[in-house]
Amino acid sequence: MPERSSRGSIAQELDEATEQLARAGVLNAKREAAALWAAVEGVKPGDVWLRRDGRPVTAVAAQFWVAVQRRSSGIPFPYAVGRVGFRNLELKSDARALIPRPETEGLVELVIEWAGRGKGEEGRETGGVAADIGTGCGCIALALAVEGRFERVVAIERSAAAAALARENVALIAPATPVEVREGDLLTPLADERCRVIVSNPPYLTDAEYEALAPAVKAWEPREALASGADGLEATRALLAGAGALLEPSGMLALEIDERRGDAVRQLAHEYGWRHLAIHDDIFGRPRYALAFPGGDA
């Protein structure tokens, strides 16, 4: 709605958007309106408030109202604005891939910390290949490429649409460490690799848990990125079964897991011959990450 920008200030735009969002049932509509404006302009919400009496740029106002309409229709915020933050990255986001969650940033932190501890130590090489299984929009792979000390990163995605989005984000970020997106199911595209670390945020909800999710999640985010069979462990089981053969002897498999299934994951790791498995809490104090080592404790 470009013509709105000639009618008044940013504050007036925000007031009108707040009313529309509130009518649509969006909670904290005033805050949401400011966040939408900040996202499309690429600034902080506080900056929007400080400049609220100024006149809006026509192009920004037009993008803002597209985002407001999308958000009012129930589209999740990152899809409505077309971007999402992940650690220090700003990535393209749409319904082709799952929206990255804050918990997954903690998985990346553990991997980078582990890799950094090994720098220069006997028995632990720097560089090497990092693989991200089920990369979605590419958030884990790109964070490892930007922040980690790997030779290259391989991102695996079975959804052609999500793989295309990941490639768009690789082009957008253009990290110095090469990131290659390969299409295929779980570990299959890694048959020719020997990895230093394999990382994955696999689907880990049971089919029943998926059905009980909020309608906004089920309506927009890909089912295959959330649900993993009757026990929620199909993907995790496959990764524990096959990752060991693709890792260096001193390598690591890092998985995000459901907080309710830590014991089940520990048992699976034992059954598939992993020498050591450590479970770490997320930022909310819930058991969320499983780090498995084929050669014993790290």
C-alpha atoms as a PDB file:
ATOM      1  CA  MET A   1       0.000   0.000   0.000  1.00  0.00           C
ATOM      2  CA  PRO A   2       2.492   2.676  -1.088  1.00  0.00           C
ATOM      3  CA  GLU A   3      -0.006   5.514  -0.957  1.00  0.00           C
ATOM      4  CA  ARG A   4      -0.134   5.303   2.815  1.00  0.00           C
ATOM      5  CA  SER A   5       3.372   6.782   3.071  1.00  0.00           C
ATOM      6  CA  SER A   6       2.177  10.161   1.823  1.00  0.00           C
ATOM      7  CA  ARG A   7      -0.532  10.468   4.474  1.00  0.00           C
ATOM      8  CA  GLY A   8       1.497  11.002   7.618  1.00  0.00           C
ATOM      9  CA  SER A   9       4.166   9.727   9.939  1.00  0.00           C
ATOM     10  CA  ILE A  10       5.615   6.335  10.775  1.00  0.00           C
ATOM     11  CA  ALA A  11       3.609   6.535  14.012  1.00  0.00           C
ATOM     12  CA  GLN A  12       0.356   6.769  12.036  1.00  0.00           C
ATOM     13  CA  GLU A  13       1.358   3.760   9.933  1.00  0.00           C
ATOM     14  CA  LEU A  14       2.104   1.815  13.092  1.00  0.00           C
ATOM     15  CA  ASP A  15      -1.194   2.826  14.717  1.00  0.00           C
ATOM     16  CA  GLU A  16      -3.194   1.634  11.706  1.00  0.00           C
ATOM     17  CA  ALA A  17      -1.229  -1.609  11.582  1.00  0.00           C
ATOM     18  CA  THR A  18      -1.718  -2.150  15.316  1.00  0.00           C
ATOM     19  CA  GLU A  19      -5.484  -1.878  14.887  1.00  0.00           C
ATOM     20  CA  GLN A  20      -5.473  -4.357  11.998  1.00  0.00           C
ATOM     21  CA  LEU A  21      -3.263  -6.853  13.817  1.00  0.00           C
ATOM     22  CA  ALA A  22      -5.375  -6.603  16.960  1.00  0.00           C
ATOM     23  CA  ARG A  23      -8.562  -7.242  14.970  1.00  0.00           C
ATOM     24  CA  ALA A  24      -6.883 -10.327  13.526  1.00  0.00           C
ATOM     25  CA  GLY A  25      -6.183 -11.624  17.029  1.00  0.00           C
ATOM     26  CA  VAL A  26      -2.419 -11.066  17.019  1.00  0.00           C
ATOM     27  CA  LEU A  27      -1.159 -10.733  20.589  1.00  0.00           C
ATOM     28  CA  ASN A  28       0.855  -7.651  21.619  1.00  0.00           C
ATOM     29  CA  ALA A  29      -0.239  -5.992  18.395  1.00  0.00           C
ATOM     30  CA  LYS A  30       1.572  -2.704  19.034  1.00  0.00           C
ATOM     31  CA  ARG A  31       4.873  -4.431  19.669  1.00  0.00           C
ATOM     32  CA  GLU A  32       4.285  -6.700  16.690  1.00  0.00           C
ATOM     33  CA  ALA A  33       3.704  -3.725  14.393  1.00  0.00           C
ATOM     34  CA  ALA A  34       6.981  -2.112  15.450  1.00  0.00           C
ATOM     35  CA  ALA A  35       8.819  -5.414  15.017  1.00  0.00           C
ATOM     36  CA  LEU A  36       7.396  -5.851  11.522  1.00  0.00           C
ATOM     37  CA  TRP A  37       8.511  -2.355  10.523  1.00  0.00           C
ATOM     38  CA  ALA A  38      11.971  -2.955  11.969  1.00  0.00           C
ATOM     39  CA  ALA A  39      12.297  -6.254  10.137  1.00  0.00           C
ATOM     40  CA  VAL A  40      11.393  -4.917   6.699  1.00  0.00           C
ATOM     41  CA  GLU A  41      13.609  -1.845   7.125  1.00  0.00           C
ATOM     42  CA  GLY A  42      16.490  -3.810   8.644  1.00  0.00           C
ATOM     43  CA  VAL A  43      16.739  -1.820  11.879  1.00  0.00           C
ATOM     44  CA  LYS A  44      16.026  -2.422  15.571  1.00  0.00           C
ATOM     45  CA  PRO A  45      12.497  -1.898  16.955  1.00  0.00           C
ATOM     46  CA  GLY A  46      13.870   0.808  19.250  1.00  0.00           C
ATOM     47  CA  ASP A  47      15.096   2.744  16.218  1.00  0.00           C
ATOM     48  CA  VAL A  48      11.585   2.659  14.761  1.00  0.00           C
ATOM     49  CA  TRP A  49      10.201   4.157  17.977  1.00  0.00           C
ATOM     50  CA  LEU A  50      12.815   6.920  18.008  1.00  0.00           C
ATOM     51  CA  ARG A  51      11.925   7.910  14.426  1.00  0.00           C
ATOM     52  CA  ARG A  52       8.174   7.480  14.798  1.00  0.00           C
ATOM     53  CA  ASP A  53       7.424  11.139  14.010  1.00  0.00           C
ATOM     54  CA  GLY A  54       9.282  11.032  10.707  1.00  0.00           C
ATOM     55  CA  ARG A  55       7.785  10.355   7.296  1.00  0.00           C
ATOM     56  CA  PRO A  56       8.203   6.783   6.040  1.00  0.00           C
ATOM     57  CA  VAL A  57      10.047   5.829   2.886  1.00  0.00           C
ATOM     58  CA  THR A  58       7.486   4.721   0.304  1.00  0.00           C
ATOM     59  CA  ALA A  59       9.173   1.393  -0.481  1.00  0.00           C
ATOM     60  CA  VAL A  60       9.524   0.511   3.204  1.00  0.00           C
ATOM     61  CA  ALA A  61       5.872   1.346   3.879  1.00  0.00           C
ATOM     62  CA  ALA A  62       4.801  -0.843   0.959  1.00  0.00           C
ATOM     63  CA  GLN A  63       6.827  -3.819   2.236  1.00  0.00           C
ATOM     64  CA  PHE A  64       5.543  -3.183   5.746  1.00  0.00           C
ATOM     65  CA  TRP A  65       1.921  -3.406   4.701  1.00  0.00           C
ATOM     66  CA  VAL A  66       2.541  -6.606   2.766  1.00  0.00           C
ATOM     67  CA  ALA A  67       4.041  -8.056   5.959  1.00  0.00           C
ATOM     68  CA  VAL A  68       1.120  -6.767   8.052  1.00  0.00           C
ATOM     69  CA  GLN A  69      -1.398  -8.409   5.721  1.00  0.00           C
ATOM     70  CA  ARG A  70       0.513 -11.675   5.828  1.00  0.00           C
ATOM     71  CA  ARG A  71       0.850 -11.604   9.607  1.00  0.00           C
ATOM     72  CA  SER A  72      -2.843 -10.749   9.994  1.00  0.00           C
ATOM     73  CA  SER A  73      -3.717 -13.856   7.990  1.00  0.00           C
ATOM     74  CA  GLY A  74      -1.882 -16.035  10.518  1.00  0.00           C
ATOM     75  CA  ILE A  75       1.441 -16.463   8.723  1.00  0.00           C
ATOM     76  CA  PRO A  76       4.298 -16.833  11.256  1.00  0.00           C
ATOM     77  CA  PHE A  77       6.420 -13.725  11.748  1.00  0.00           C
ATOM     78  CA  PRO A  78       9.602 -14.940   9.948  1.00  0.00           C
ATOM     79  CA  TYR A  79       7.567 -16.041   6.937  1.00  0.00           C
ATOM     80  CA  ALA A  80       5.622 -12.773   6.967  1.00  0.00           C
ATOM     81  CA  VAL A  81       8.786 -10.648   6.755  1.00  0.00           C
ATOM     82  CA  GLY A  82      10.790 -13.174   4.725  1.00  0.00           C
ATOM     83  CA  ARG A  83      13.788 -13.331   7.027  1.00  0.00           C
ATOM     84  CA  VAL A  84      14.912 -14.795  10.325  1.00  0.00           C
ATOM     85  CA  GLY A  85      17.823 -14.223  12.675  1.00  0.00           C
ATOM     86  CA  PHE A  86      20.021 -17.139  13.701  1.00  0.00           C
ATOM     87  CA  ARG A  87      23.018 -16.414  15.917  1.00  0.00           C
ATOM     88  CA  ASN A  88      24.796 -13.587  14.049  1.00  0.00           C
ATOM     89  CA  LEU A  89      23.187 -14.365  10.693  1.00  0.00           C
ATOM     90  CA  GLU A  90      20.175 -12.853   8.922  1.00  0.00           C
ATOM     91  CA  LEU A  91      18.676 -15.503   6.630  1.00  0.00           C
ATOM     92  CA  LYS A  92      15.850 -15.753   4.130  1.00  0.00           C
ATOM     93  CA  SER A  93      12.858 -17.579   5.590  1.00  0.00           C
ATOM     94  CA  ASP A  94       9.697 -18.940   4.031  1.00  0.00           C
ATOM     95  CA  ALA A  95       7.389 -21.951   4.201  1.00  0.00           C
ATOM     96  CA  ARG A  96       9.851 -24.153   2.297  1.00  0.00           C
ATOM     97  CA  ALA A  97      11.714 -24.848   5.552  1.00  0.00           C
ATOM     98  CA  LEU A  98      11.231 -24.967   9.309  1.00  0.00           C
ATOM     99  CA  ILE A  99      11.685 -21.714  11.210  1.00  0.00           C
ATOM    100  CA  PRO A 100      14.939 -21.953  13.231  1.00  0.00           C
ATOM    101  CA  ARG A 101      14.381 -21.987  16.994  1.00  0.00           C
ATOM    102  CA  PRO A 102      16.595 -20.427  19.694  1.00  0.00           C
ATOM    103  CA  GLU A 103      17.331 -23.894  21.089  1.00  0.00           C
ATOM    104  CA  THR A 104      19.131 -24.846  17.890  1.00  0.00           C
ATOM    105  CA  GLU A 105      21.563 -21.978  18.372  1.00  0.00           C
ATOM    106  CA  GLY A 106      22.714 -23.826  21.494  1.00  0.00           C
ATOM    107  CA  LEU A 107      23.485 -26.942  19.448  1.00  0.00           C
ATOM    108  CA  VAL A 108      25.757 -24.874  17.206  1.00  0.00           C
ATOM    109  CA  GLU A 109      27.419 -23.356  20.284  1.00  0.00           C
ATOM    110  CA  LEU A 110      28.289 -26.800  21.647  1.00  0.00           C
ATOM    111  CA  VAL A 111      29.791 -27.899  18.328  1.00  0.00           C
ATOM    112  CA  ILE A 112      31.899 -24.747  17.947  1.00  0.00           C
ATOM    113  CA  GLU A 113      33.040 -25.015  21.572  1.00  0.00           C
ATOM    114  CA  TRP A 114      34.011 -28.669  21.093  1.00  0.00           C
ATOM    115  CA  ALA A 115      35.880 -27.963  17.873  1.00  0.00           C
ATOM    116  CA  GLY A 116      37.674 -25.000  19.442  1.00  0.00           C
ATOM    117  CA  ARG A 117      38.806 -26.994  22.464  1.00  0.00           C
ATOM    118  CA  GLY A 118      40.522 -29.414  20.133  1.00  0.00           C
ATOM    119  CA  LYS A 119      42.583 -26.815  18.299  1.00  0.00           C
ATOM    120  CA  GLY A 120      46.199 -27.907  18.351  1.00  0.00           C
ATOM    121  CA  GLU A 121      45.649 -30.742  20.814  1.00  0.00           C
ATOM    122  CA  GLU A 122      47.198 -34.109  20.069  1.00  0.00           C
ATOM    123  CA  GLY A 123      44.696 -36.514  18.533  1.00  0.00           C
ATOM    124  CA  ARG A 124      42.256 -33.818  17.423  1.00  0.00           C
ATOM    125  CA  GLU A 125      42.732 -32.207  14.022  1.00  0.00           C
ATOM    126  CA  THR A 126      41.577 -28.734  13.085  1.00  0.00           C
ATOM    127  CA  GLY A 127      39.764 -28.191   9.791  1.00  0.00           C
ATOM    128  CA  GLY A 128      37.965 -31.226   8.445  1.00  0.00           C
ATOM    129  CA  VAL A 129      34.428 -31.573   7.165  1.00  0.00           C
ATOM    130  CA  ALA A 130      31.297 -30.605   9.085  1.00  0.00           C
ATOM    131  CA  ALA A 131      28.002 -32.053   7.861  1.00  0.00           C
ATOM    132  CA  ASP A 132      24.554 -30.690   8.677  1.00  0.00           C
ATOM    133  CA  ILE A 133      21.809 -33.281   8.174  1.00  0.00           C
ATOM    134  CA  GLY A 134      18.356 -31.886   7.419  1.00  0.00           C
ATOM    135  CA  THR A 135      19.690 -28.392   6.858  1.00  0.00           C
ATOM    136  CA  GLY A 136      16.329 -26.709   6.128  1.00  0.00           C
ATOM    137  CA  CYS A 137      17.083 -23.044   5.433  1.00  0.00           C
ATOM    138  CA  GLY A 138      20.783 -23.736   6.003  1.00  0.00           C
ATOM    139  CA  CYS A 139      21.054 -22.082   9.411  1.00  0.00           C
ATOM    140  CA  ILE A 140      23.278 -24.668  11.140  1.00  0.00           C
ATOM    141  CA  ALA A 141      25.534 -25.207   8.127  1.00  0.00           C
ATOM    142  CA  LEU A 142      26.051 -21.484   7.601  1.00  0.00           C
ATOM    143  CA  ALA A 143      26.661 -20.786  11.287  1.00  0.00           C
ATOM    144  CA  LEU A 144      29.329 -23.507  11.328  1.00  0.00           C
ATOM    145  CA  ALA A 145      30.882 -22.100   8.154  1.00  0.00           C
ATOM    146  CA  VAL A 146      30.989 -18.549   9.541  1.00  0.00           C
ATOM    147  CA  GLU A 147      31.934 -19.257  13.155  1.00  0.00           C
ATOM    148  CA  GLY A 148      33.639 -22.644  13.039  1.00  0.00           C
ATOM    149  CA  ARG A 149      37.118 -23.650  11.934  1.00  0.00           C
ATOM    150  CA  PHE A 150      36.250 -26.284   9.360  1.00  0.00           C
ATOM    151  CA  GLU A 151      37.717 -26.879   5.923  1.00  0.00           C
ATOM    152  CA  ARG A 152      34.259 -27.086   4.386  1.00  0.00           C
ATOM    153  CA  VAL A 153      30.642 -27.753   5.293  1.00  0.00           C
ATOM    154  CA  VAL A 154      28.225 -30.151   3.596  1.00  0.00           C
ATOM    155  CA  ALA A 155      24.496 -29.462   4.067  1.00  0.00           C
ATOM    156  CA  ILE A 156      22.066 -32.330   3.393  1.00  0.00           C
ATOM    157  CA  GLU A 157      18.358 -31.821   2.695  1.00  0.00           C
ATOM    158  CA  ARG A 158      15.802 -34.283   1.343  1.00  0.00           C
ATOM    159  CA  SER A 159      13.257 -31.605   0.381  1.00  0.00           C
ATOM    160  CA  ALA A 160      14.136 -30.052  -2.981  1.00  0.00           C
ATOM    161  CA  ALA A 161      12.278 -26.879  -2.015  1.00  0.00           C
ATOM    162  CA  ALA A 162      14.144 -26.495   1.284  1.00  0.00           C
ATOM    163  CA  ALA A 163      17.448 -27.270  -0.455  1.00  0.00           C
ATOM    164  CA  ALA A 164      16.746 -24.445  -2.898  1.00  0.00           C
ATOM    165  CA  LEU A 165      16.168 -22.056   0.021  1.00  0.00           C
ATOM    166  CA  ALA A 166      19.404 -23.223   1.658  1.00  0.00           C
ATOM    167  CA  ARG A 167      21.304 -22.505  -1.567  1.00  0.00           C
ATOM    168  CA  GLU A 168      19.774 -19.023  -1.673  1.00  0.00           C
ATOM    169  CA  ASN A 169      21.026 -18.412   1.862  1.00  0.00           C
ATOM    170  CA  VAL A 170      24.491 -19.723   1.005  1.00  0.00           C
ATOM    171  CA  ALA A 171      24.599 -17.205  -1.846  1.00  0.00           C
ATOM    172  CA  LEU A 172      23.298 -14.470   0.467  1.00  0.00           C
ATOM    173  CA  ILE A 173      25.845 -15.065   3.251  1.00  0.00           C
ATOM    174  CA  ALA A 174      28.734 -16.092   0.958  1.00  0.00           C
ATOM    175  CA  PRO A 175      30.887 -17.504   3.778  1.00  0.00           C
ATOM    176  CA  ALA A 176      34.638 -17.866   3.310  1.00  0.00           C
ATOM    177  CA  THR A 177      34.339 -21.559   4.229  1.00  0.00           C
ATOM    178  CA  PRO A 178      32.673 -23.413   1.328  1.00  0.00           C
ATOM    179  CA  VAL A 179      29.165 -24.760   1.932  1.00  0.00           C
ATOM    180  CA  GLU A 180      27.804 -27.388  -0.442  1.00  0.00           C
ATOM    181  CA  VAL A 181      24.087 -28.242  -0.388  1.00  0.00           C
ATOM    182  CA  ARG A 182      23.330 -31.818  -1.403  1.00  0.00           C
ATOM    183  CA  GLU A 183      19.870 -33.300  -1.860  1.00  0.00           C
ATOM    184  CA  GLY A 184      19.058 -36.679  -0.372  1.00  0.00           C
ATOM    185  CA  ASP A 185      17.739 -38.482   2.688  1.00  0.00           C
ATOM    186  CA  LEU A 186      19.671 -38.215   5.942  1.00  0.00           C
ATOM    187  CA  LEU A 187      23.175 -39.698   5.644  1.00  0.00           C
ATOM    188  CA  THR A 188      22.922 -41.138   2.129  1.00  0.00           C
ATOM    189  CA  PRO A 189      24.584 -38.170   0.330  1.00  0.00           C
ATOM    190  CA  LEU A 190      27.595 -38.452   2.689  1.00  0.00           C
ATOM    191  CA  ALA A 191      28.699 -41.879   1.443  1.00  0.00           C
ATOM    192  CA  ASP A 192      31.925 -40.428  -0.010  1.00  0.00           C
ATOM    193  CA  GLU A 193      32.830 -38.310   3.032  1.00  0.00           C
ATOM    194  CA  ARG A 194      34.765 -38.736   6.263  1.00  0.00           C
ATOM    195  CA  CYS A 195      33.504 -36.074   8.644  1.00  0.00           C
ATOM    196  CA  ARG A 196      34.989 -34.430  11.673  1.00  0.00           C
ATOM    197  CA  VAL A 197      31.508 -33.649  12.967  1.00  0.00           C
ATOM    198  CA  ILE A 198      27.975 -34.521  11.908  1.00  0.00           C
ATOM    199  CA  VAL A 199      25.293 -32.208  13.244  1.00  0.00           C
ATOM    200  CA  SER A 200      21.529 -32.503  12.967  1.00  0.00           C
ATOM    201  CA  ASN A 201      18.323 -31.012  14.266  1.00  0.00           C
ATOM    202  CA  PRO A 202      16.184 -33.907  13.011  1.00  0.00           C
ATOM    203  CA  PRO A 203      12.405 -34.176  13.313  1.00  0.00           C
ATOM    204  CA  TYR A 204      11.722 -35.582  16.775  1.00  0.00           C
ATOM    205  CA  LEU A 205       8.003 -35.308  17.529  1.00  0.00           C
ATOM    206  CA  THR A 206       5.769 -38.358  17.566  1.00  0.00           C
ATOM    207  CA  ASP A 207       2.925 -38.406  15.074  1.00  0.00           C
ATOM    208  CA  ALA A 208       0.494 -37.842  17.965  1.00  0.00           C
ATOM    209  CA  GLU A 209       2.499 -34.901  19.307  1.00  0.00           C
ATOM    210  CA  TYR A 210       2.538 -33.344  15.869  1.00  0.00           C
ATOM    211  CA  GLU A 211      -1.249 -33.536  15.651  1.00  0.00           C
ATOM    212  CA  ALA A 212      -1.486 -31.707  18.999  1.00  0.00           C
ATOM    213  CA  LEU A 213       0.663 -28.752  17.842  1.00  0.00           C
ATOM    214  CA  ALA A 214      -0.769 -25.254  17.573  1.00  0.00           C
ATOM    215  CA  PRO A 215      -2.708 -24.768  14.310  1.00  0.00           C
ATOM    216  CA  ALA A 216      -0.362 -21.961  13.237  1.00  0.00           C
ATOM    217  CA  VAL A 217       2.585 -24.373  13.286  1.00  0.00           C
ATOM    218  CA  LYS A 218       0.789 -27.191  11.458  1.00  0.00           C
ATOM    219  CA  ALA A 219      -0.689 -24.844   8.873  1.00  0.00           C
ATOM    220  CA  TRP A 220       2.611 -23.328   7.780  1.00  0.00           C
ATOM    221  CA  GLU A 221       5.717 -25.293   8.774  1.00  0.00           C
ATOM    222  CA  PRO A 222       6.697 -28.525   6.948  1.00  0.00           C
ATOM    223  CA  ARG A 223       5.450 -31.672   8.665  1.00  0.00           C
ATOM    224  CA  GLU A 224       8.472 -33.685   7.563  1.00  0.00           C
ATOM    225  CA  ALA A 225      10.730 -31.328   9.530  1.00  0.00           C
ATOM    226  CA  LEU A 226       8.784 -31.916  12.757  1.00  0.00           C
ATOM    227  CA  ALA A 227       7.339 -35.442  12.999  1.00  0.00           C
ATOM    228  CA  SER A 228       9.371 -38.653  13.056  1.00  0.00           C
ATOM    229  CA  GLY A 229       7.080 -41.647  13.352  1.00  0.00           C
ATOM    230  CA  ALA A 230       5.138 -43.261  16.169  1.00  0.00           C
ATOM    231  CA  ASP A 231       7.919 -42.843  18.743  1.00  0.00           C
ATOM    232  CA  GLY A 232       9.465 -39.627  17.398  1.00  0.00           C
ATOM    233  CA  LEU A 233      12.806 -41.368  16.972  1.00  0.00           C
ATOM    234  CA  GLU A 234      12.874 -42.598  13.377  1.00  0.00           C
ATOM    235  CA  ALA A 235      15.346 -39.978  12.160  1.00  0.00           C
ATOM    236  CA  THR A 236      17.421 -40.040  15.357  1.00  0.00           C
ATOM    237  CA  ARG A 237      17.618 -43.834  15.188  1.00  0.00           C
ATOM    238  CA  ALA A 238      18.859 -43.707  11.583  1.00  0.00           C
ATOM    239  CA  LEU A 239      21.491 -41.103  12.441  1.00  0.00           C
ATOM    240  CA  LEU A 240      22.812 -43.090  15.406  1.00  0.00           C
ATOM    241  CA  ALA A 241      22.834 -46.237  13.283  1.00  0.00           C
ATOM    242  CA  GLY A 242      24.805 -44.790  10.387  1.00  0.00           C
ATOM    243  CA  ALA A 243      26.829 -41.760  11.460  1.00  0.00           C
ATOM    244  CA  GLY A 244      29.640 -43.655  13.169  1.00  0.00           C
ATOM    245  CA  ALA A 245      30.883 -45.107   9.887  1.00  0.00           C
ATOM    246  CA  LEU A 246      31.139 -41.606   8.388  1.00  0.00           C
ATOM    247  CA  LEU A 247      33.059 -39.971  11.226  1.00  0.00           C
ATOM    248  CA  GLU A 248      36.761 -39.632  11.855  1.00  0.00           C
ATOM    249  CA  PRO A 249      37.861 -41.725  14.893  1.00  0.00           C
ATOM    250  CA  SER A 250      38.009 -38.560  17.033  1.00  0.00           C
ATOM    251  CA  GLY A 251      34.826 -37.126  15.534  1.00  0.00           C
ATOM    252  CA  MET A 252      31.446 -36.294  17.048  1.00  0.00           C
ATOM    253  CA  LEU A 253      27.770 -36.651  16.261  1.00  0.00           C
ATOM    254  CA  ALA A 254      25.716 -33.750  17.668  1.00  0.00           C
ATOM    255  CA  LEU A 255      21.932 -34.047  17.772  1.00  0.00           C
ATOM    256  CA  GLU A 256      19.087 -31.892  18.969  1.00  0.00           C
ATOM    257  CA  ILE A 257      16.604 -34.146  20.761  1.00  0.00           C
ATOM    258  CA  ASP A 258      13.193 -33.958  22.398  1.00  0.00           C
ATOM    259  CA  GLU A 259      13.505 -33.200  26.101  1.00  0.00           C
ATOM    260  CA  ARG A 260      11.249 -36.158  26.920  1.00  0.00           C
ATOM    261  CA  ARG A 261      13.380 -38.726  25.114  1.00  0.00           C
ATOM    262  CA  GLY A 262      16.857 -38.349  26.558  1.00  0.00           C
ATOM    263  CA  ASP A 263      16.834 -41.818  28.120  1.00  0.00           C
ATOM    264  CA  ALA A 264      15.580 -43.382  24.889  1.00  0.00           C
ATOM    265  CA  VAL A 265      18.334 -41.659  22.898  1.00  0.00           C
ATOM    266  CA  ARG A 266      20.938 -42.824  25.407  1.00  0.00           C
ATOM    267  CA  GLN A 267      19.700 -46.403  25.050  1.00  0.00           C
ATOM    268  CA  LEU A 268      19.784 -46.184  21.249  1.00  0.00           C
ATOM    269  CA  ALA A 269      23.342 -44.869  21.340  1.00  0.00           C
ATOM    270  CA  HIS A 270      24.360 -47.846  23.484  1.00  0.00           C
ATOM    271  CA  GLU A 271      22.647 -50.284  21.118  1.00  0.00           C
ATOM    272  CA  TYR A 272      24.444 -48.823  18.085  1.00  0.00           C
ATOM    273  CA  GLY A 273      27.872 -49.020  19.691  1.00  0.00           C
ATOM    274  CA  TRP A 274      28.651 -45.414  20.585  1.00  0.00           C
ATOM    275  CA  ARG A 275      31.397 -45.395  23.212  1.00  0.00           C
ATOM    276  CA  HIS A 276      30.199 -42.265  24.956  1.00  0.00           C
ATOM    277  CA  LEU A 277      27.110 -40.047  24.870  1.00  0.00           C
ATOM    278  CA  ALA A 278      26.638 -36.816  26.807  1.00  0.00           C
ATOM    279  CA  ILE A 279      23.310 -34.989  27.090  1.00  0.00           C
ATOM    280  CA  HIS A 280      23.356 -31.212  27.621  1.00  0.00           C
ATOM    281  CA  ASP A 281      20.602 -28.798  28.648  1.00  0.00           C
ATOM    282  CA  ASP A 282      19.277 -25.987  26.477  1.00  0.00           C
ATOM    283  CA  ILE A 283      18.898 -22.348  27.508  1.00  0.00           C
ATOM    284  CA  PHE A 284      15.688 -23.262  29.335  1.00  0.00           C
ATOM    285  CA  GLY A 285      17.342 -25.995  31.409  1.00  0.00           C
ATOM    286  CA  ARG A 286      15.825 -28.870  29.437  1.00  0.00           C
ATOM    287  CA  PRO A 287      17.836 -31.886  28.164  1.00  0.00           C
ATOM    288  CA  ARG A 288      18.059 -30.947  24.491  1.00  0.00           C
ATOM    289  CA  TYR A 289      21.406 -31.942  22.958  1.00  0.00           C
ATOM    290  CA  ALA A 290      23.050 -35.346  22.589  1.00  0.00           C
ATOM    291  CA  LEU A 291      26.766 -35.444  21.789  1.00  0.00           C
ATOM    292  CA  ALA A 292      27.948 -38.926  20.773  1.00  0.00           C
ATOM    293  CA  PHE A 293      31.550 -40.067  20.320  1.00  0.00           C
ATOM    294  CA  PRO A 294      32.591 -43.264  18.531  1.00  0.00           C
ATOM    295  CA  GLY A 295      36.000 -43.352  20.246  1.00  0.00           C
ATOM    296  CA  GLY A 296      35.006 -42.573  23.814  1.00  0.00           C
ATOM    297  CA  ASP A 297      34.799 -39.365  25.831  1.00  0.00           C
ATOM    298  CA  ALA A 298      35.824 -36.140  24.085  1.00  0.00           C
END
